[in-house]
Amino acid sequence: MAAAKAEVVEKQSKAAKLGDFVLVDYDCWIKDTDELLETTMRETAEREGKLDENREYKPVLLILGARWVTRGLDEGILGMYEGEERVFEVPPEKAYGKRDPSKVRMFPERRIRRSGARLVPGEEVEINGVRGVIESVSGGRVRVNFNHPLASKALKYRVILRKILESPEEKASAVFEKAYGSKPELLKVEDGCVKVRTLASPETISELAARKAYFLALVSRYLREVSKLELTEVYELAR
């Protein structure tokens, strides 16, 4: 009896909670139309006729509470166990918000022409750094909607929690892959220091600067177990 109770406690301790690093697969549909918006799983993309051969389908890293995804997806994963599958709906308030009438504005045609956009309903336009979509053109005036395209849409998710990352090495490696788009050649954590060795080429120096800054920002903000980062770049020279 005591052993069974201990097993239950152990299982409960591994339920996903705020701050956890998790690897998840998920599908996302618009609730009312069942239109697939996003999936990390190849079989879903094939079934829905939306397979993209140029992308890699695999579990994604989330840090629960970091809001890298919709609030509803973030909250829906809380309490899940490794290997568990969960289907749930998310209201607009926890997805992309409700449609805000104040974000629909009128502009003279000349203002839209200056942006380089065509005067066609459905055309995307950027004004003062904000993207919107042309809804109508009439009488020399253009109505532009700056709401998110999914505003007022309820969503439906199917989520599979693949893994809860626990060790500093697992977390640092997953964060590196998120920032660089590939795995490090070598990564270890010693005495509170993340030590990373990665291969690069001279042609990617400018791109690597941005990725390095992103990796540093992620480590600084989310890996509380470490206080130092040691990054070694090995460049392969073309001969």
Protein backbone atom coordinates (compact mmCIF):
# COMPACT_ATOMS: atom_id res chain seq x y z
CA MET A 1 0.00 0.00 0.00
CA ALA A 2 2.83 2.38 0.92
CA ALA A 3 4.61 1.61 -2.35
CA ALA A 4 1.46 2.33 -4.36
CA LYS A 5 1.00 5.64 -2.54
CA ALA A 6 4.62 6.61 -3.22
CA GLU A 7 4.10 5.84 -6.92
CA VAL A 8 1.07 8.14 -7.06
CA VAL A 9 3.00 10.95 -5.37
CA GLU A 10 5.87 10.48 -7.84
CA LYS A 11 3.49 10.63 -10.80
CA GLN A 12 1.78 13.74 -9.48
CA SER A 13 5.13 15.47 -9.01
CA LYS A 14 5.80 15.15 -12.75
CA ALA A 15 2.66 16.95 -13.90
CA ALA A 16 3.51 19.98 -16.05
CA LYS A 17 3.53 23.24 -14.12
CA LEU A 18 4.37 26.90 -14.68
CA GLY A 19 8.01 27.41 -15.58
CA ASP A 20 8.50 23.87 -16.91
CA PHE A 21 10.38 23.29 -20.15
CA VAL A 22 8.23 20.91 -22.20
CA LEU A 23 8.35 19.31 -25.63
CA VAL A 24 4.89 19.05 -27.16
CA ASP A 25 3.21 18.08 -30.39
CA TYR A 26 -0.02 19.85 -31.19
CA ASP A 27 -2.71 20.45 -33.79
CA CYS A 28 -4.72 23.67 -33.88
CA TRP A 29 -8.01 24.22 -35.71
CA ILE A 30 -10.53 27.06 -35.96
CA LYS A 31 -13.35 25.66 -33.85
CA ASP A 32 -16.29 26.75 -36.03
CA THR A 33 -14.88 25.62 -39.38
CA ASP A 34 -12.44 22.82 -38.44
CA GLU A 35 -9.83 24.54 -40.62
CA LEU A 36 -6.35 23.39 -39.63
CA LEU A 37 -4.19 26.37 -38.70
CA GLU A 38 -1.03 24.71 -37.44
CA THR A 39 0.40 21.29 -36.68
CA THR A 40 3.73 19.92 -35.55
CA MET A 41 2.82 16.41 -36.73
CA ARG A 42 3.41 15.15 -40.25
CA GLU A 43 0.53 12.68 -40.15
CA THR A 44 -1.95 15.47 -39.39
CA ALA A 45 -0.59 17.62 -42.22
CA GLU A 46 -0.90 14.69 -44.64
CA ARG A 47 -4.44 13.87 -43.51
CA GLU A 48 -5.56 17.50 -43.82
CA GLY A 49 -3.90 17.97 -47.21
CA LYS A 50 -1.50 20.63 -45.89
CA LEU A 51 1.80 18.79 -45.96
CA ASP A 52 4.83 21.06 -46.46
CA GLU A 53 7.80 19.00 -47.63
CA ASN A 54 10.14 21.90 -46.89
CA ARG A 55 9.55 21.94 -43.13
CA GLU A 56 10.50 19.53 -40.39
CA TYR A 57 7.65 18.19 -38.29
CA LYS A 58 8.73 17.58 -34.70
CA PRO A 59 7.80 18.47 -31.11
CA VAL A 60 8.33 22.10 -30.16
CA LEU A 61 9.84 23.56 -27.02
CA LEU A 62 7.57 25.60 -24.77
CA ILE A 63 8.28 27.17 -21.42
CA LEU A 64 4.95 27.21 -19.64
CA GLY A 65 4.04 30.74 -18.68
CA ALA A 66 6.46 32.37 -21.14
CA ARG A 67 3.55 32.96 -23.54
CA TRP A 68 5.38 31.87 -26.67
CA VAL A 69 1.97 30.59 -27.78
CA THR A 70 -1.62 31.56 -27.06
CA ARG A 71 -2.59 31.87 -23.41
CA GLY A 72 -5.16 29.10 -23.88
CA LEU A 73 -2.59 26.62 -25.18
CA ASP A 74 -0.17 27.53 -22.41
CA GLU A 75 -2.81 26.97 -19.73
CA GLY A 76 -4.20 23.85 -21.38
CA ILE A 77 -0.89 22.01 -20.96
CA LEU A 78 -0.73 22.64 -17.21
CA GLY A 79 -1.29 19.47 -15.22
CA MET A 80 -0.51 17.13 -18.12
CA TYR A 81 1.80 14.12 -17.74
CA GLU A 82 4.41 12.86 -20.17
CA GLY A 83 2.72 10.85 -22.92
CA GLU A 84 -0.72 12.27 -22.16
CA GLU A 85 -2.95 13.51 -24.98
CA ARG A 86 -5.48 16.24 -24.35
CA VAL A 87 -8.12 17.91 -26.56
CA PHE A 88 -9.54 21.25 -25.49
CA GLU A 89 -11.14 24.43 -26.80
CA VAL A 90 -9.86 27.97 -26.30
CA PRO A 91 -12.16 31.02 -26.36
CA PRO A 92 -11.11 34.16 -28.28
CA GLU A 93 -10.15 35.91 -25.03
CA LYS A 94 -7.41 33.32 -24.50
CA ALA A 95 -6.45 33.08 -28.17
CA TYR A 96 -6.05 36.22 -30.29
CA GLY A 97 -8.63 38.41 -28.58
CA LYS A 98 -11.96 39.75 -29.72
CA ARG A 99 -12.34 42.01 -32.73
CA ASP A 100 -11.75 45.63 -31.68
CA PRO A 101 -13.76 48.13 -33.78
CA SER A 102 -11.22 50.87 -32.98
CA LYS A 103 -8.62 48.91 -34.95
CA VAL A 104 -10.63 49.31 -38.18
CA ARG A 105 -9.67 52.65 -39.72
CA MET A 106 -10.29 54.67 -42.87
CA PHE A 107 -7.50 56.14 -45.03
CA PRO A 108 -7.41 58.16 -48.26
CA GLU A 109 -6.34 56.13 -51.29
CA ARG A 110 -3.16 58.17 -51.71
CA ARG A 111 -1.98 57.10 -48.24
CA ILE A 112 -2.30 53.43 -49.17
CA ARG A 113 -0.61 53.96 -52.53
CA ARG A 114 2.39 55.48 -50.75
CA SER A 115 2.77 52.25 -48.78
CA GLY A 116 3.16 50.30 -52.02
CA ALA A 117 0.05 48.15 -51.48
CA ARG A 118 -2.55 47.54 -54.17
CA LEU A 119 -6.04 48.96 -53.62
CA VAL A 120 -7.60 45.50 -53.47
CA PRO A 121 -9.68 43.96 -50.65
CA GLY A 122 -7.63 41.31 -48.88
CA GLU A 123 -4.32 43.03 -49.65
CA GLU A 124 -1.93 43.38 -46.72
CA VAL A 125 -0.69 46.87 -45.95
CA GLU A 126 1.74 48.29 -43.41
CA ILE A 127 1.10 51.75 -41.97
CA ASN A 128 3.32 53.28 -39.30
CA GLY A 129 4.89 49.88 -38.68
CA VAL A 130 1.55 48.14 -38.08
CA ARG A 131 0.22 45.49 -40.47
CA GLY A 132 -3.40 45.39 -41.53
CA VAL A 133 -5.66 44.06 -44.27
CA ILE A 134 -7.69 46.14 -46.72
CA GLU A 135 -11.39 45.37 -46.24
CA SER A 136 -12.96 47.72 -48.78
CA VAL A 137 -12.22 50.53 -51.24
CA SER A 138 -14.94 53.08 -52.01
CA GLY A 139 -15.24 56.76 -52.88
CA GLY A 140 -11.52 57.40 -52.61
CA ARG A 141 -11.41 55.92 -49.10
CA VAL A 142 -9.88 52.64 -47.96
CA ARG A 143 -10.97 50.70 -44.89
CA VAL A 144 -8.12 48.81 -43.20
CA ASN A 145 -8.52 46.23 -40.45
CA PHE A 146 -5.59 46.07 -38.01
CA ASN A 147 -7.10 43.30 -35.86
CA HIS A 148 -5.31 39.95 -35.80
CA PRO A 149 -6.70 37.73 -38.62
CA LEU A 150 -7.90 35.27 -35.96
CA ALA A 151 -9.54 37.87 -33.71
CA SER A 152 -12.89 36.63 -32.30
CA LYS A 153 -12.09 33.06 -33.37
CA ALA A 154 -12.36 30.20 -30.89
CA LEU A 155 -9.68 27.55 -31.37
CA LYS A 156 -9.48 23.81 -30.77
CA TYR A 157 -6.23 22.07 -29.80
CA ARG A 158 -5.04 18.50 -29.64
CA VAL A 159 -1.86 18.33 -27.57
CA ILE A 160 0.51 15.47 -26.78
CA LEU A 161 3.04 16.15 -24.03
CA ARG A 162 6.14 14.29 -25.20
CA LYS A 163 8.60 15.22 -22.47
CA ILE A 164 9.17 17.46 -19.46
CA LEU A 165 12.81 18.56 -19.54
CA GLU A 166 14.40 18.41 -16.11
CA SER A 167 18.20 18.56 -16.29
CA PRO A 168 20.05 21.82 -17.05
CA GLU A 169 21.70 20.08 -20.02
CA GLU A 170 18.33 19.13 -21.54
CA LYS A 171 16.98 22.63 -21.09
CA ALA A 172 20.08 24.37 -22.45
CA SER A 173 20.24 22.05 -25.46
CA ALA A 174 16.57 22.65 -26.30
CA VAL A 175 17.01 26.42 -25.96
CA PHE A 176 20.10 26.28 -28.19
CA GLU A 177 18.15 24.41 -30.87
CA LYS A 178 15.34 26.97 -30.67
CA ALA A 179 17.79 29.85 -31.15
CA TYR A 180 20.10 28.28 -33.75
CA GLY A 181 17.73 25.90 -35.54
CA SER A 182 20.15 23.00 -35.04
CA LYS A 183 21.70 20.95 -32.26
CA PRO A 184 25.05 21.98 -30.73
CA GLU A 185 28.08 19.86 -31.49
CA LEU A 186 28.78 19.69 -27.76
CA LEU A 187 26.95 21.03 -24.71
CA LYS A 188 27.43 20.45 -21.00
CA VAL A 189 26.71 22.25 -17.75
CA GLU A 190 29.42 22.38 -15.10
CA ASP A 191 29.43 24.39 -11.87
CA GLY A 192 26.60 26.62 -13.05
CA CYS A 193 28.20 27.29 -16.44
CA VAL A 194 26.70 26.29 -19.79
CA LYS A 195 29.56 25.28 -22.09
CA VAL A 196 28.67 25.06 -25.76
CA ARG A 197 30.73 24.16 -28.81
CA THR A 198 29.18 24.77 -32.20
CA LEU A 199 30.31 24.50 -35.81
CA ALA A 200 29.95 27.51 -38.09
CA SER A 201 31.22 28.94 -41.36
CA PRO A 202 32.51 32.41 -42.24
CA GLU A 203 29.52 32.95 -44.55
CA THR A 204 27.11 32.84 -41.60
CA ILE A 205 28.86 35.30 -39.26
CA SER A 206 26.21 38.03 -39.52
CA GLU A 207 23.37 35.53 -39.04
CA LEU A 208 25.15 33.89 -36.11
CA ALA A 209 25.38 37.22 -34.27
CA ALA A 210 21.59 37.47 -34.06
CA ARG A 211 21.19 33.81 -33.10
CA LYS A 212 23.88 34.12 -30.44
CA ALA A 213 22.17 37.16 -28.93
CA TYR A 214 18.84 35.30 -28.87
CA PHE A 215 20.42 32.25 -27.22
CA LEU A 216 22.05 34.43 -24.58
CA ALA A 217 18.75 36.19 -23.87
CA LEU A 218 16.91 32.87 -23.47
CA VAL A 219 19.55 31.40 -21.18
CA SER A 220 19.70 34.56 -19.06
CA ARG A 221 15.95 34.76 -18.64
CA TYR A 222 14.85 31.16 -18.26
CA LEU A 223 17.74 28.96 -17.09
CA ARG A 224 17.83 29.87 -13.42
CA GLU A 225 20.23 27.01 -12.68
CA VAL A 226 23.13 28.65 -14.50
CA SER A 227 25.08 31.87 -14.02
CA LYS A 228 27.60 31.70 -16.88
CA LEU A 229 27.65 30.91 -20.58
CA GLU A 230 30.79 29.81 -22.41
CA LEU A 231 30.30 29.62 -26.18
CA THR A 232 33.00 28.28 -28.51
CA GLU A 233 32.54 28.71 -32.25
CA VAL A 234 34.54 26.47 -34.58
CA TYR A 235 34.67 27.77 -38.15
CA GLU A 236 35.01 25.43 -41.10
CA LEU A 237 37.08 27.15 -43.79
CA ALA A 238 36.33 26.53 -47.45
CA ARG A 239 39.38 25.24 -49.33
